[in-house]
N, C-alpha and C. Protein backbone atom coordinates (compact mmCIF):
# COMPACT_ATOMS: atom_id res chain seq x y z
N MET A 1 92.76 103.98 80.31
CA MET A 1 94.09 103.84 79.79
C MET A 1 94.96 103.29 80.87
N GLU A 2 95.73 102.29 80.58
CA GLU A 2 96.63 101.53 81.51
C GLU A 2 97.90 102.40 81.61
N MET A 3 98.38 102.56 82.92
CA MET A 3 99.60 103.38 83.10
C MET A 3 100.74 102.53 82.67
N SER A 4 101.72 103.09 82.03
CA SER A 4 102.95 102.47 81.58
C SER A 4 103.85 102.29 82.81
N ASP A 5 104.71 101.32 82.85
CA ASP A 5 105.62 101.08 83.91
C ASP A 5 106.99 101.66 83.53
N ALA A 6 107.05 102.55 82.58
CA ALA A 6 108.48 103.16 82.19
C ALA A 6 108.96 103.91 83.41
N ILE A 7 108.04 104.56 84.12
CA ILE A 7 108.50 105.22 85.40
C ILE A 7 108.28 104.32 86.48
N GLU A 8 109.26 104.04 87.26
CA GLU A 8 109.22 102.94 88.31
C GLU A 8 108.22 103.30 89.44
N LYS A 9 107.23 102.36 89.56
CA LYS A 9 106.39 102.56 90.81
C LYS A 9 107.06 102.03 92.07
N VAL A 10 107.10 102.77 93.13
CA VAL A 10 107.78 102.37 94.35
C VAL A 10 106.88 102.44 95.48
N ASN A 11 107.15 101.66 96.59
CA ASN A 11 106.41 101.70 97.88
C ASN A 11 107.24 102.66 98.81
N ARG A 12 106.80 102.90 99.98
CA ARG A 12 107.39 103.81 100.98
C ARG A 12 108.88 103.41 101.25
N ARG A 13 109.07 102.10 101.51
CA ARG A 13 110.39 101.58 101.76
C ARG A 13 111.34 101.81 100.68
N MET A 14 110.87 101.52 99.55
CA MET A 14 111.75 101.77 98.30
C MET A 14 112.06 103.15 98.16
N PHE A 15 111.06 104.02 98.40
CA PHE A 15 111.22 105.48 98.23
C PHE A 15 112.26 105.96 99.24
N GLU A 16 112.18 105.57 100.44
CA GLU A 16 113.20 106.01 101.48
C GLU A 16 114.55 105.61 101.09
N ARG A 17 114.76 104.39 100.62
CA ARG A 17 116.10 103.99 100.15
C ARG A 17 116.58 104.76 99.02
N MET A 18 115.70 105.08 98.02
CA MET A 18 116.10 105.89 96.85
C MET A 18 116.39 107.31 97.23
N LEU A 19 115.70 107.78 98.23
CA LEU A 19 115.92 109.17 98.65
C LEU A 19 117.32 109.35 99.18
N GLU A 20 117.79 108.23 99.98
CA GLU A 20 119.06 108.20 100.54
C GLU A 20 120.19 108.09 99.54
N ARG A 21 119.84 107.30 98.47
CA ARG A 21 120.99 106.93 97.58
C ARG A 21 121.07 107.54 96.16
N THR A 22 119.95 108.39 95.94
CA THR A 22 119.90 109.15 94.67
C THR A 22 120.00 110.59 94.85
N ASN A 23 121.02 111.27 94.03
CA ASN A 23 121.30 112.65 94.08
C ASN A 23 120.13 113.48 93.60
N HIS A 24 119.53 113.10 92.52
CA HIS A 24 118.38 113.79 91.97
C HIS A 24 117.27 113.01 91.61
N LEU A 25 116.20 113.18 92.49
CA LEU A 25 115.01 112.34 92.46
C LEU A 25 113.75 113.06 92.26
N ALA A 26 113.01 112.84 91.21
CA ALA A 26 111.76 113.46 90.90
C ALA A 26 110.66 112.41 91.19
N VAL A 27 109.72 112.84 92.14
CA VAL A 27 108.68 111.90 92.64
C VAL A 27 107.40 112.35 92.13
N LEU A 28 106.61 111.52 91.54
CA LEU A 28 105.21 111.86 91.18
C LEU A 28 104.40 111.17 92.19
N PHE A 29 103.59 112.00 92.96
CA PHE A 29 102.51 111.47 93.88
C PHE A 29 101.30 111.38 93.02
N TYR A 30 100.66 110.34 93.02
CA TYR A 30 99.41 109.96 92.15
C TYR A 30 98.45 109.08 92.76
N SER A 31 97.38 109.06 92.13
CA SER A 31 96.34 107.96 92.60
C SER A 31 95.79 107.40 91.27
N LYS A 32 95.69 106.05 91.33
CA LYS A 32 95.14 105.37 90.16
C LYS A 32 93.53 105.59 90.13
N ASN A 33 92.98 105.79 91.25
CA ASN A 33 91.55 105.58 91.32
C ASN A 33 90.84 107.01 91.23
N ASP A 34 91.29 107.93 92.03
CA ASP A 34 90.51 109.28 92.06
C ASP A 34 91.23 110.50 91.55
N CYS A 35 91.90 110.37 90.46
CA CYS A 35 92.74 111.49 89.96
C CYS A 35 92.59 111.53 88.45
N LYS A 36 91.74 112.39 87.96
CA LYS A 36 91.47 112.38 86.51
C LYS A 36 92.69 112.98 85.73
N ASN A 37 93.58 113.75 86.25
CA ASN A 37 94.69 114.30 85.57
C ASN A 37 96.02 113.41 85.69
N CYS A 38 96.00 112.37 86.68
CA CYS A 38 97.19 111.61 86.80
C CYS A 38 97.74 110.93 85.63
N ASP A 39 96.81 110.28 84.90
CA ASP A 39 97.13 109.68 83.68
C ASP A 39 97.85 110.61 82.60
N LYS A 40 97.36 111.78 82.44
CA LYS A 40 97.87 112.74 81.56
C LYS A 40 99.24 113.23 82.04
N VAL A 41 99.39 113.45 83.23
CA VAL A 41 100.74 113.89 83.75
C VAL A 41 101.79 112.87 83.65
N LEU A 42 101.38 111.54 83.93
CA LEU A 42 102.33 110.50 83.85
C LEU A 42 102.75 110.26 82.35
N GLU A 43 101.76 110.36 81.44
CA GLU A 43 102.05 110.22 80.03
C GLU A 43 102.99 111.23 79.57
N GLU A 44 102.87 112.53 80.03
CA GLU A 44 103.89 113.51 79.71
C GLU A 44 105.17 113.43 80.24
N LEU A 45 105.27 112.82 81.54
CA LEU A 45 106.56 112.66 82.18
C LEU A 45 107.25 111.56 81.43
N GLU A 46 106.61 110.51 81.09
CA GLU A 46 107.21 109.36 80.28
C GLU A 46 107.86 109.84 79.07
N LYS A 47 107.39 110.87 78.53
CA LYS A 47 107.96 111.44 77.17
C LYS A 47 109.40 111.87 77.50
N ILE A 48 109.61 112.37 78.76
CA ILE A 48 111.03 113.04 79.08
C ILE A 48 111.82 112.16 79.86
N ASP A 49 111.28 110.93 80.30
CA ASP A 49 111.98 110.07 81.28
C ASP A 49 113.40 109.67 80.84
N ASP A 50 113.48 109.26 79.52
CA ASP A 50 114.84 108.82 79.12
C ASP A 50 115.89 110.01 79.09
N GLU A 51 115.46 111.24 78.77
CA GLU A 51 116.28 112.39 78.71
C GLU A 51 116.67 112.83 80.16
N ALA A 52 115.75 112.48 81.13
CA ALA A 52 116.02 112.91 82.64
C ALA A 52 117.00 111.85 83.07
N ASP A 53 116.75 110.51 82.77
CA ASP A 53 117.78 109.53 83.22
C ASP A 53 119.22 109.85 82.67
N ALA A 54 119.31 110.35 81.43
CA ALA A 54 120.61 110.74 80.83
C ALA A 54 121.24 111.86 81.54
N ALA A 55 120.37 112.75 82.14
CA ALA A 55 120.93 113.94 82.91
C ALA A 55 121.10 113.63 84.37
N GLY A 56 120.89 112.37 84.75
CA GLY A 56 121.09 111.99 86.16
C GLY A 56 119.92 112.24 87.11
N ILE A 57 118.65 112.47 86.50
CA ILE A 57 117.52 112.57 87.30
C ILE A 57 116.71 111.34 87.17
N LYS A 58 116.37 110.69 88.35
CA LYS A 58 115.59 109.48 88.39
C LYS A 58 114.10 109.86 88.63
N PHE A 59 113.26 109.44 87.82
CA PHE A 59 111.80 109.67 88.04
C PHE A 59 111.18 108.37 88.64
N ILE A 60 110.36 108.51 89.64
CA ILE A 60 109.67 107.50 90.32
C ILE A 60 108.24 107.94 90.52
N LYS A 61 107.35 107.02 90.69
CA LYS A 61 105.97 107.29 90.98
C LYS A 61 105.51 106.50 92.29
N ILE A 62 104.81 107.12 93.10
CA ILE A 62 104.25 106.49 94.30
C ILE A 62 102.78 106.86 94.61
N GLU A 63 102.09 105.85 95.06
CA GLU A 63 100.63 106.01 95.46
C GLU A 63 100.53 105.78 96.83
N ASP A 64 100.81 106.93 97.68
CA ASP A 64 100.80 106.96 99.13
C ASP A 64 100.39 108.28 99.65
N ASN A 65 99.02 108.38 99.94
CA ASN A 65 98.55 109.55 100.32
C ASN A 65 99.21 110.14 101.68
N GLN A 66 99.50 109.27 102.62
CA GLN A 66 100.16 109.64 103.87
C GLN A 66 101.47 110.23 103.57
N LEU A 67 102.26 109.66 102.79
CA LEU A 67 103.66 110.01 102.51
C LEU A 67 103.48 111.38 101.80
N ALA A 68 102.58 111.53 100.83
CA ALA A 68 102.47 112.80 100.16
C ALA A 68 102.09 113.97 101.11
N LYS A 69 101.26 113.68 102.08
CA LYS A 69 100.95 114.76 103.11
C LYS A 69 102.20 115.10 103.89
N GLU A 70 103.00 114.11 104.17
CA GLU A 70 104.26 114.37 104.99
C GLU A 70 105.23 115.23 104.25
N PHE A 71 105.10 115.33 102.85
CA PHE A 71 105.88 116.15 102.07
C PHE A 71 105.08 117.55 101.64
N GLY A 72 103.97 117.62 102.33
CA GLY A 72 103.22 118.92 102.10
C GLY A 72 102.43 118.90 100.83
N VAL A 73 102.12 117.66 100.26
CA VAL A 73 101.24 117.45 99.03
C VAL A 73 99.86 117.15 99.44
N PHE A 74 98.94 117.98 99.09
CA PHE A 74 97.49 117.79 99.44
C PHE A 74 96.60 117.58 98.20
N ALA A 75 97.16 117.79 97.04
CA ALA A 75 96.42 117.62 95.73
C ALA A 75 97.15 116.82 94.82
N LEU A 76 96.50 115.89 94.15
CA LEU A 76 97.20 115.02 93.18
C LEU A 76 96.80 115.25 91.82
N PRO A 77 97.70 115.09 90.86
CA PRO A 77 99.00 114.66 90.99
C PRO A 77 99.91 115.77 91.31
N ALA A 78 101.05 115.35 91.81
CA ALA A 78 102.13 116.40 92.40
C ALA A 78 103.48 115.95 92.05
N LEU A 79 104.35 116.78 91.64
CA LEU A 79 105.83 116.33 91.37
C LEU A 79 106.61 117.01 92.30
């Protein structure tokens, strides 16, 4: 299953900028290759993405294992 781009995929630099500029940021740490539940979680999050945007919550997704570890995330997917 191809992941939808409804939730913006960002890199580390974009993430850091958004973290500074966005009051409410929900980050999905995921992996395209070795995460059997990532597609399922992303699919469910995309169902509520528009409602979250309307409430001022920005959803983003990032595939960066080192950054995930810096935030205490050791298992994927994680929000």
